[in-house]
Amino acid sequence: PVLRRGSYKVSYRELGLVSFGGLRGAVSLIMSMMVVHSHGIGPHVRDRVGFWVASTVAITLFVNGCLCGVVAKALGLLDEHVCKQKLLDVAKSRLQVATAKALYDCSLMPQMQGANW
């Protein structure tokens, strides 16, 4: 998919979680807002459509929010060793870059010219 083509490689497990938590009620909510703001539909129908769709979206959001952790755990995204290893890899990379920059900056200092870099 599109997300796998960028610089951050998204795994299929991460895509599964994003899909689960995705746009469940967004399209229906937008369409109900179109009905609610339409003048060609009676106010009683508009109010009813707006209420039912907003209620459905709220319930879906609540259920989705409660189950998101369960789904993430089932997909293996909450395994400590995976998250910890990714964090350590990022920290190591940043430390290497910062160290190389600091050494280069030190080599340019006049008082450090005699050091063996």
C-alpha atoms as a PDB file:
ATOM      1  CA  PRO A   1       0.000   0.000   0.000  1.00  0.00           C
ATOM      2  CA  VAL A   2       0.836   3.672  -0.113  1.00  0.00           C
ATOM      3  CA  LEU A   3       2.150   3.823   3.465  1.00  0.00           C
ATOM      4  CA  ARG A   4       4.817   1.206   2.718  1.00  0.00           C
ATOM      5  CA  ARG A   5       6.367   3.341  -0.061  1.00  0.00           C
ATOM      6  CA  GLY A   6       7.531   6.182   2.197  1.00  0.00           C
ATOM      7  CA  SER A   7      10.714   6.488   4.212  1.00  0.00           C
ATOM      8  CA  TYR A   8       9.054   4.943   7.283  1.00  0.00           C
ATOM      9  CA  LYS A   9       8.333   1.317   6.482  1.00  0.00           C
ATOM     10  CA  VAL A  10       4.990   0.368   8.017  1.00  0.00           C
ATOM     11  CA  SER A  11       4.541  -3.316   8.857  1.00  0.00           C
ATOM     12  CA  TYR A  12       1.404  -5.244   8.001  1.00  0.00           C
ATOM     13  CA  ARG A  13       0.604  -5.506  11.724  1.00  0.00           C
ATOM     14  CA  GLU A  14       0.768  -1.723  12.038  1.00  0.00           C
ATOM     15  CA  LEU A  15      -1.422  -1.386   8.949  1.00  0.00           C
ATOM     16  CA  GLY A  16      -3.922  -3.743  10.582  1.00  0.00           C
ATOM     17  CA  LEU A  17      -4.131  -1.521  13.652  1.00  0.00           C
ATOM     18  CA  VAL A  18      -4.468   1.620  11.542  1.00  0.00           C
ATOM     19  CA  SER A  19      -7.243  -0.037   9.541  1.00  0.00           C
ATOM     20  CA  PHE A  20      -9.038  -1.082  12.710  1.00  0.00           C
ATOM     21  CA  GLY A  21      -8.881   2.412  14.163  1.00  0.00           C
ATOM     22  CA  GLY A  22      -9.427   4.187  10.856  1.00  0.00           C
ATOM     23  CA  LEU A  23     -12.288   6.115   9.371  1.00  0.00           C
ATOM     24  CA  ARG A  24     -15.158   4.075  10.828  1.00  0.00           C
ATOM     25  CA  GLY A  25     -17.646   6.898  11.245  1.00  0.00           C
ATOM     26  CA  ALA A  26     -16.081   9.779   9.365  1.00  0.00           C
ATOM     27  CA  VAL A  27     -17.850   9.264   6.041  1.00  0.00           C
ATOM     28  CA  SER A  28     -21.282   8.666   7.581  1.00  0.00           C
ATOM     29  CA  LEU A  29     -20.838  11.679   9.866  1.00  0.00           C
ATOM     30  CA  ILE A  30     -19.947  13.922   6.933  1.00  0.00           C
ATOM     31  CA  MET A  31     -22.908  12.655   4.931  1.00  0.00           C
ATOM     32  CA  SER A  32     -25.275  13.206   7.860  1.00  0.00           C
ATOM     33  CA  MET A  33     -23.976  16.764   8.197  1.00  0.00           C
ATOM     34  CA  MET A  34     -24.875  17.262   4.545  1.00  0.00           C
ATOM     35  CA  VAL A  35     -28.418  16.076   5.337  1.00  0.00           C
ATOM     36  CA  VAL A  36     -28.654  18.188   8.491  1.00  0.00           C
ATOM     37  CA  HIS A  37     -27.645  21.348   6.623  1.00  0.00           C
ATOM     38  CA  SER A  38     -29.841  20.609   3.587  1.00  0.00           C
ATOM     39  CA  HIS A  39     -32.897  22.836   3.297  1.00  0.00           C
ATOM     40  CA  GLY A  40     -34.744  20.447   0.989  1.00  0.00           C
ATOM     41  CA  ILE A  41     -35.320  17.918   3.796  1.00  0.00           C
ATOM     42  CA  GLY A  42     -37.785  18.462   6.615  1.00  0.00           C
ATOM     43  CA  PRO A  43     -36.412  19.516  10.030  1.00  0.00           C
ATOM     44  CA  HIS A  44     -37.815  16.420  11.748  1.00  0.00           C
ATOM     45  CA  VAL A  45     -35.953  14.096   9.354  1.00  0.00           C
ATOM     46  CA  ARG A  46     -32.775  16.174   9.524  1.00  0.00           C
ATOM     47  CA  ASP A  47     -32.721  16.094  13.313  1.00  0.00           C
ATOM     48  CA  ARG A  48     -33.386  12.356  13.400  1.00  0.00           C
ATOM     49  CA  VAL A  49     -30.646  11.556  10.850  1.00  0.00           C
ATOM     50  CA  GLY A  50     -28.169  13.765  12.688  1.00  0.00           C
ATOM     51  CA  PHE A  51     -28.977  12.197  16.040  1.00  0.00           C
ATOM     52  CA  TRP A  52     -28.779   8.571  14.877  1.00  0.00           C
ATOM     53  CA  VAL A  53     -25.596   8.969  12.880  1.00  0.00           C
ATOM     54  CA  ALA A  54     -23.851  10.958  15.625  1.00  0.00           C
ATOM     55  CA  SER A  55     -24.924   8.340  18.164  1.00  0.00           C
ATOM     56  CA  THR A  56     -23.630   5.513  15.997  1.00  0.00           C
ATOM     57  CA  VAL A  57     -20.312   7.282  15.471  1.00  0.00           C
ATOM     58  CA  ALA A  58     -19.965   7.944  19.219  1.00  0.00           C
ATOM     59  CA  ILE A  59     -20.708   4.322  20.116  1.00  0.00           C
ATOM     60  CA  THR A  60     -18.328   3.071  17.438  1.00  0.00           C
ATOM     61  CA  LEU A  61     -15.637   5.401  18.731  1.00  0.00           C
ATOM     62  CA  PHE A  62     -16.151   4.177  22.286  1.00  0.00           C
ATOM     63  CA  VAL A  63     -16.061   0.500  21.307  1.00  0.00           C
ATOM     64  CA  ASN A  64     -13.122   1.077  18.987  1.00  0.00           C
ATOM     65  CA  GLY A  65     -11.221   2.916  21.709  1.00  0.00           C
ATOM     66  CA  CYS A  66     -11.818   0.147  24.227  1.00  0.00           C
ATOM     67  CA  LEU A  67     -10.729  -2.566  21.799  1.00  0.00           C
ATOM     68  CA  CYS A  68      -7.726  -0.802  20.302  1.00  0.00           C
ATOM     69  CA  GLY A  69      -5.357  -2.031  23.019  1.00  0.00           C
ATOM     70  CA  VAL A  70      -6.666  -5.578  22.690  1.00  0.00           C
ATOM     71  CA  VAL A  71      -6.153  -5.525  18.911  1.00  0.00           C
ATOM     72  CA  ALA A  72      -2.660  -4.034  19.269  1.00  0.00           C
ATOM     73  CA  LYS A  73      -1.739  -6.743  21.752  1.00  0.00           C
ATOM     74  CA  ALA A  74      -3.193  -9.478  19.512  1.00  0.00           C
ATOM     75  CA  LEU A  75      -1.148  -8.131  16.587  1.00  0.00           C
ATOM     76  CA  GLY A  76       1.994  -8.237  18.720  1.00  0.00           C
ATOM     77  CA  LEU A  77       2.542  -4.479  18.622  1.00  0.00           C
ATOM     78  CA  LEU A  78       2.773  -4.138  22.386  1.00  0.00           C
ATOM     79  CA  ASP A  79       5.586  -6.634  22.819  1.00  0.00           C
ATOM     80  CA  GLU A  80       8.106  -4.810  24.948  1.00  0.00           C
ATOM     81  CA  HIS A  81      11.150  -6.236  23.228  1.00  0.00           C
ATOM     82  CA  VAL A  82      10.063  -5.005  19.782  1.00  0.00           C
ATOM     83  CA  CYS A  83       9.290  -1.473  20.985  1.00  0.00           C
ATOM     84  CA  LYS A  84      12.370  -1.393  23.160  1.00  0.00           C
ATOM     85  CA  GLN A  85      14.623  -2.525  20.316  1.00  0.00           C
ATOM     86  CA  LYS A  86      13.218   0.110  17.944  1.00  0.00           C
ATOM     87  CA  LEU A  87      13.743   2.792  20.579  1.00  0.00           C
ATOM     88  CA  LEU A  88      17.298   1.646  21.240  1.00  0.00           C
ATOM     89  CA  ASP A  89      18.076   1.589  17.507  1.00  0.00           C
ATOM     90  CA  VAL A  90      16.826   5.153  17.083  1.00  0.00           C
ATOM     91  CA  ALA A  91      18.755   6.313  20.164  1.00  0.00           C
ATOM     92  CA  LYS A  92      21.938   4.609  18.935  1.00  0.00           C
ATOM     93  CA  SER A  93      21.619   6.214  15.524  1.00  0.00           C
ATOM     94  CA  ARG A  94      21.067   9.669  17.000  1.00  0.00           C
ATOM     95  CA  LEU A  95      24.013   9.250  19.373  1.00  0.00           C
ATOM     96  CA  GLN A  96      26.290   8.241  16.494  1.00  0.00           C
ATOM     97  CA  VAL A  97      25.292  11.314  14.491  1.00  0.00           C
ATOM     98  CA  ALA A  98      25.686  13.621  17.510  1.00  0.00           C
ATOM     99  CA  THR A  99      29.076  12.107  18.376  1.00  0.00           C
ATOM    100  CA  ALA A 100      30.380  12.502  14.824  1.00  0.00           C
ATOM    101  CA  LYS A 101      29.212  16.130  14.776  1.00  0.00           C
ATOM    102  CA  ALA A 102      30.793  16.844  18.174  1.00  0.00           C
ATOM    103  CA  LEU A 103      34.110  15.312  17.072  1.00  0.00           C
ATOM    104  CA  TYR A 104      34.078  17.349  13.886  1.00  0.00           C
ATOM    105  CA  ASP A 105      33.292  20.545  15.822  1.00  0.00           C
ATOM    106  CA  CYS A 106      36.099  19.792  18.271  1.00  0.00           C
ATOM    107  CA  SER A 107      38.562  19.186  15.439  1.00  0.00           C
ATOM    108  CA  LEU A 108      37.854  22.720  14.176  1.00  0.00           C
ATOM    109  CA  MET A 109      38.654  24.357  17.535  1.00  0.00           C
ATOM    110  CA  PRO A 110      42.075  26.039  17.605  1.00  0.00           C
ATOM    111  CA  GLN A 111      42.906  24.647  21.052  1.00  0.00           C
ATOM    112  CA  MET A 112      42.219  21.088  19.824  1.00  0.00           C
ATOM    113  CA  GLN A 113      44.393  21.238  16.674  1.00  0.00           C
ATOM    114  CA  GLY A 114      47.117  19.095  18.240  1.00  0.00           C
ATOM    115  CA  ALA A 115      44.816  16.173  19.007  1.00  0.00           C
ATOM    116  CA  ASN A 116      44.967  13.006  16.937  1.00  0.00           C
ATOM    117  CA  TRP A 117      41.478  12.873  15.375  1.00  0.00           C
END
